N, C-alpha and C. Protein backbone atom coordinates (compact mmCIF):
# COMPACT_ATOMS: atom_id res chain seq x y z
N UNK A 1 24.05 42.26 1.10
CA UNK A 1 25.07 41.81 2.01
C UNK A 1 25.01 42.61 3.30
N UNK A 2 25.05 41.91 4.42
CA UNK A 2 24.95 42.57 5.71
C UNK A 2 26.32 43.04 6.18
N UNK A 3 26.33 44.17 6.82
CA UNK A 3 27.56 44.69 7.41
C UNK A 3 27.73 44.09 8.79
N UNK A 4 28.90 43.51 9.07
CA UNK A 4 29.10 42.95 10.40
C UNK A 4 29.05 44.02 11.47
N UNK A 5 28.44 43.69 12.59
CA UNK A 5 28.36 44.64 13.69
C UNK A 5 29.52 44.40 14.65
N UNK A 6 29.94 45.46 15.30
CA UNK A 6 30.98 45.32 16.31
C UNK A 6 30.37 44.68 17.55
N UNK A 7 31.13 43.84 18.20
CA UNK A 7 30.67 43.18 19.42
C UNK A 7 31.45 43.72 20.60
N UNK A 8 30.82 43.77 21.76
CA UNK A 8 31.57 44.15 22.95
C UNK A 8 32.70 43.16 23.19
N UNK A 9 33.75 43.63 23.84
CA UNK A 9 34.94 42.80 24.01
C UNK A 9 34.67 41.52 24.78
N UNK A 10 33.70 41.50 25.68
CA UNK A 10 33.41 40.32 26.47
C UNK A 10 32.61 39.26 25.75
N UNK A 11 32.15 39.55 24.54
CA UNK A 11 31.28 38.60 23.86
C UNK A 11 32.04 37.44 23.24
N UNK A 12 33.37 37.48 23.23
CA UNK A 12 34.15 36.40 22.66
C UNK A 12 33.91 35.08 23.37
N UNK A 13 33.89 35.11 24.69
CA UNK A 13 33.64 33.90 25.46
C UNK A 13 32.25 33.37 25.15
N UNK A 14 31.29 34.25 25.13
CA UNK A 14 29.90 33.84 24.85
C UNK A 14 29.79 33.19 23.48
N UNK A 15 30.49 33.73 22.51
CA UNK A 15 30.46 33.17 21.15
C UNK A 15 31.09 31.78 21.12
N UNK A 16 32.21 31.61 21.82
CA UNK A 16 32.85 30.29 21.89
C UNK A 16 31.93 29.28 22.58
N UNK A 17 31.28 29.70 23.66
CA UNK A 17 30.38 28.81 24.40
C UNK A 17 29.18 28.45 23.53
N UNK A 18 28.64 29.43 22.81
CA UNK A 18 27.50 29.16 21.92
C UNK A 18 27.88 28.13 20.86
N UNK A 19 29.04 28.32 20.27
CA UNK A 19 29.52 27.40 19.23
C UNK A 19 29.75 26.01 19.81
N UNK A 20 30.33 25.94 20.99
CA UNK A 20 30.58 24.65 21.64
C UNK A 20 29.27 23.93 21.91
N UNK A 21 28.27 24.65 22.39
CA UNK A 21 26.96 24.06 22.67
C UNK A 21 26.35 23.48 21.40
N UNK A 22 26.46 24.19 20.29
CA UNK A 22 25.94 23.69 19.02
C UNK A 22 26.64 22.39 18.62
N UNK A 23 27.93 22.33 18.80
CA UNK A 23 28.70 21.14 18.41
C UNK A 23 28.34 19.96 19.31
N UNK A 24 28.21 20.20 20.61
CA UNK A 24 27.83 19.12 21.53
C UNK A 24 26.45 18.59 21.15
N UNK A 25 25.53 19.48 20.79
CA UNK A 25 24.19 19.04 20.38
C UNK A 25 24.26 18.19 19.11
N UNK A 26 25.07 18.60 18.15
CA UNK A 26 25.24 17.80 16.93
C UNK A 26 25.83 16.44 17.24
N UNK A 27 26.81 16.43 18.12
CA UNK A 27 27.44 15.18 18.51
C UNK A 27 26.45 14.26 19.22
N UNK A 28 25.60 14.83 20.05
CA UNK A 28 24.59 14.05 20.75
C UNK A 28 23.62 13.39 19.77
N UNK A 29 23.17 14.15 18.79
CA UNK A 29 22.27 13.59 17.77
C UNK A 29 22.97 12.49 16.99
N UNK A 30 24.19 12.73 16.60
CA UNK A 30 24.97 11.75 15.85
C UNK A 30 25.12 10.46 16.65
N UNK A 31 25.47 10.57 17.91
CA UNK A 31 25.64 9.38 18.74
C UNK A 31 24.31 8.69 19.03
N UNK A 32 23.24 9.46 19.15
CA UNK A 32 21.92 8.87 19.38
C UNK A 32 21.52 7.96 18.23
N UNK A 33 21.92 8.32 17.03
CA UNK A 33 21.62 7.50 15.86
C UNK A 33 22.59 6.33 15.72
N UNK A 34 23.74 6.43 16.35
CA UNK A 34 24.79 5.42 16.17
C UNK A 34 24.84 4.37 17.26
N UNK A 35 24.31 4.67 18.44
CA UNK A 35 24.43 3.76 19.58
C UNK A 35 23.09 3.13 19.94
N UNK A 36 23.11 1.87 20.27
CA UNK A 36 21.91 1.23 20.78
C UNK A 36 21.56 1.87 22.12
N UNK A 37 20.33 2.26 22.27
CA UNK A 37 19.91 2.90 23.51
C UNK A 37 20.18 4.39 23.54
N UNK A 38 20.75 4.94 22.48
CA UNK A 38 21.00 6.37 22.40
C UNK A 38 22.24 6.81 23.16
N UNK A 39 22.45 8.09 23.19
CA UNK A 39 23.61 8.68 23.85
C UNK A 39 23.21 9.22 25.21
N UNK A 40 24.13 9.25 26.16
CA UNK A 40 23.81 9.82 27.48
C UNK A 40 23.53 11.32 27.36
N UNK A 41 22.78 11.83 28.30
CA UNK A 41 22.40 13.25 28.26
C UNK A 41 23.60 14.17 28.42
N UNK A 42 24.55 13.77 29.25
CA UNK A 42 25.72 14.61 29.50
C UNK A 42 26.92 14.04 28.74
N UNK A 43 27.47 14.81 27.83
CA UNK A 43 28.60 14.37 27.04
C UNK A 43 29.82 15.25 27.31
N UNK A 44 30.97 14.62 27.40
CA UNK A 44 32.23 15.36 27.45
C UNK A 44 33.10 14.87 26.31
N UNK A 45 34.06 15.67 25.93
CA UNK A 45 34.96 15.28 24.84
C UNK A 45 35.72 14.01 25.20
N UNK A 46 36.16 13.90 26.45
CA UNK A 46 36.91 12.72 26.87
C UNK A 46 36.04 11.46 26.83
N UNK A 47 34.78 11.58 27.27
CA UNK A 47 33.88 10.44 27.26
C UNK A 47 33.64 9.95 25.83
N UNK A 48 33.37 10.87 24.93
CA UNK A 48 33.09 10.49 23.54
C UNK A 48 34.35 9.93 22.88
N UNK A 49 35.50 10.51 23.18
CA UNK A 49 36.75 9.99 22.62
C UNK A 49 36.99 8.55 23.08
N UNK A 50 36.73 8.27 24.35
CA UNK A 50 36.87 6.91 24.86
C UNK A 50 35.87 5.97 24.19
N UNK A 51 34.67 6.45 24.01
CA UNK A 51 33.64 5.67 23.33
C UNK A 51 34.05 5.36 21.89
N UNK A 52 34.55 6.35 21.20
CA UNK A 52 35.00 6.15 19.82
C UNK A 52 36.19 5.19 19.77
N UNK A 53 37.02 5.22 20.78
CA UNK A 53 38.15 4.30 20.84
C UNK A 53 37.72 2.86 20.93
N UNK A 54 36.58 2.63 21.58
CA UNK A 54 36.07 1.26 21.71
C UNK A 54 35.40 0.77 20.44
N UNK A 55 34.91 1.69 19.61
CA UNK A 55 34.22 1.27 18.38
C UNK A 55 35.04 1.61 17.15
N UNK A 56 36.32 1.84 17.33
CA UNK A 56 37.19 2.29 16.25
C UNK A 56 37.18 1.36 15.04
N UNK A 57 36.98 0.08 15.24
CA UNK A 57 37.06 -0.86 14.12
C UNK A 57 35.98 -0.62 13.06
N UNK A 58 34.98 0.18 13.38
CA UNK A 58 33.96 0.49 12.39
C UNK A 58 34.17 1.92 11.89
N UNK A 59 35.15 2.10 11.08
CA UNK A 59 35.51 3.43 10.58
C UNK A 59 34.48 3.91 9.56
N UNK A 60 33.36 4.35 10.06
CA UNK A 60 32.31 4.84 9.19
C UNK A 60 32.38 6.35 9.08
N UNK A 61 31.56 6.89 8.22
CA UNK A 61 31.48 8.34 8.08
C UNK A 61 31.03 8.97 9.39
N UNK A 62 30.09 8.33 10.08
CA UNK A 62 29.62 8.86 11.36
C UNK A 62 30.75 8.89 12.40
N UNK A 63 31.57 7.83 12.41
CA UNK A 63 32.69 7.78 13.34
C UNK A 63 33.64 8.93 13.06
N UNK A 64 33.96 9.15 11.79
CA UNK A 64 34.89 10.22 11.41
C UNK A 64 34.31 11.59 11.76
N UNK A 65 33.03 11.78 11.51
CA UNK A 65 32.39 13.06 11.85
C UNK A 65 32.41 13.28 13.36
N UNK A 66 32.11 12.24 14.13
CA UNK A 66 32.14 12.36 15.59
C UNK A 66 33.54 12.71 16.07
N UNK A 67 34.55 12.09 15.50
CA UNK A 67 35.94 12.39 15.89
C UNK A 67 36.29 13.85 15.58
N UNK A 68 35.84 14.35 14.44
CA UNK A 68 36.07 15.76 14.09
C UNK A 68 35.36 16.69 15.07
N UNK A 69 34.14 16.34 15.46
CA UNK A 69 33.40 17.17 16.41
C UNK A 69 34.08 17.18 17.78
N UNK A 70 34.61 16.03 18.20
CA UNK A 70 35.34 15.97 19.48
C UNK A 70 36.57 16.88 19.42
N UNK A 71 37.28 16.83 18.31
CA UNK A 71 38.47 17.68 18.17
C UNK A 71 38.09 19.16 18.22
N UNK A 72 36.96 19.50 17.61
CA UNK A 72 36.52 20.90 17.63
C UNK A 72 36.09 21.32 19.03
N UNK A 73 35.45 20.43 19.78
CA UNK A 73 35.06 20.74 21.16
C UNK A 73 36.31 21.00 22.00
N UNK A 74 37.32 20.15 21.85
CA UNK A 74 38.56 20.35 22.61
C UNK A 74 39.22 21.67 22.25
N UNK A 75 39.20 22.02 20.98
CA UNK A 75 39.78 23.28 20.52
C UNK A 75 39.02 24.46 21.15
N UNK A 76 37.69 24.39 21.14
CA UNK A 76 36.90 25.47 21.73
C UNK A 76 37.07 25.53 23.24
N UNK A 77 37.23 24.38 23.89
CA UNK A 77 37.48 24.39 25.34
C UNK A 77 38.74 25.18 25.67
N UNK A 78 39.78 25.01 24.85
CA UNK A 78 41.02 25.76 25.05
C UNK A 78 40.80 27.25 24.83
N UNK A 79 40.05 27.59 23.80
CA UNK A 79 39.77 29.00 23.51
C UNK A 79 38.95 29.64 24.63
N UNK A 80 37.96 28.90 25.13
CA UNK A 80 37.12 29.42 26.22
C UNK A 80 37.97 29.66 27.46
N UNK A 81 38.82 28.68 27.79
CA UNK A 81 39.68 28.83 28.96
C UNK A 81 40.59 30.05 28.81
N UNK A 82 41.20 30.21 27.64
CA UNK A 82 42.12 31.34 27.42
C UNK A 82 41.37 32.67 27.48
N UNK A 83 40.18 32.74 26.90
CA UNK A 83 39.41 33.98 26.91
C UNK A 83 38.97 34.33 28.33
N UNK A 84 38.54 33.32 29.09
CA UNK A 84 38.15 33.57 30.48
C UNK A 84 39.35 34.03 31.31
N UNK A 85 40.50 33.45 31.04
CA UNK A 85 41.72 33.85 31.74
C UNK A 85 42.08 35.30 31.43
N UNK A 86 41.96 35.68 30.15
CA UNK A 86 42.24 37.07 29.76
C UNK A 86 41.28 38.03 30.45
N UNK A 87 40.00 37.65 30.53
CA UNK A 87 39.02 38.51 31.20
C UNK A 87 39.35 38.63 32.69
N UNK A 88 39.72 37.52 33.29
CA UNK A 88 40.06 37.53 34.71
C UNK A 88 41.30 38.40 34.96
N UNK A 89 42.30 38.26 34.09
CA UNK A 89 43.52 39.07 34.22
C UNK A 89 43.21 40.55 34.04
N UNK A 90 42.36 40.87 33.08
CA UNK A 90 42.00 42.27 32.83
C UNK A 90 41.26 42.85 34.03
N UNK A 91 40.40 42.05 34.64
CA UNK A 91 39.67 42.52 35.81
C UNK A 91 40.64 42.74 36.98
N UNK A 92 41.57 41.82 37.14
CA UNK A 92 42.57 41.96 38.21
C UNK A 92 43.44 43.19 37.98
N UNK A 93 43.84 43.40 36.74
CA UNK A 93 44.70 44.55 36.42
C UNK A 93 43.99 45.87 36.64
N UNK A 94 42.69 45.90 36.45
CA UNK A 94 41.96 47.15 36.58
C UNK A 94 41.63 47.47 38.04
N UNK A 95 41.88 46.52 38.92
CA UNK A 95 41.62 46.69 40.34
C UNK A 95 40.16 46.98 40.65
N UNK A 96 39.29 46.49 39.80
CA UNK A 96 37.85 46.63 40.04
C UNK A 96 37.37 45.38 40.76
N UNK A 97 36.32 45.53 41.50
CA UNK A 97 35.71 44.37 42.16
C UNK A 97 34.25 44.29 41.76
N UNK A 98 33.75 43.09 41.77
CA UNK A 98 32.35 42.88 41.49
C UNK A 98 31.60 42.77 42.80
N UNK A 99 30.45 43.38 42.88
CA UNK A 99 29.67 43.33 44.11
C UNK A 99 28.80 42.12 44.12
C-alpha cells in the first residue's frame, strides 16, 4: 500500500482541472459513439445538456451516463472557480505581486 504524498496548497486547482479534462474526454468518446457524425471537438456542459434534452426520449444507459458526466463537470466547474477565487484572495491578502 502506498503512502499518500502531501501536495502543495496550489495543486487543488490543478487536480480539479485534470479531473474535469478526463471527464470531458470520456463524454466526448461517449457522444462520438452515440451521435451520427460524432461529437464536436469543443464540448461544454451547457451544450451537452441541451443536446441531451433534445434526445431525452431515448433514455438509454449512454444517455444516463452522459447526464451524470455533465453533472460532474458542472460540480467541478464550481470547485475550480471557488479554488481559483481562494487563491486570488490569498494573493491579494498577502500584498504580493506577480512580475
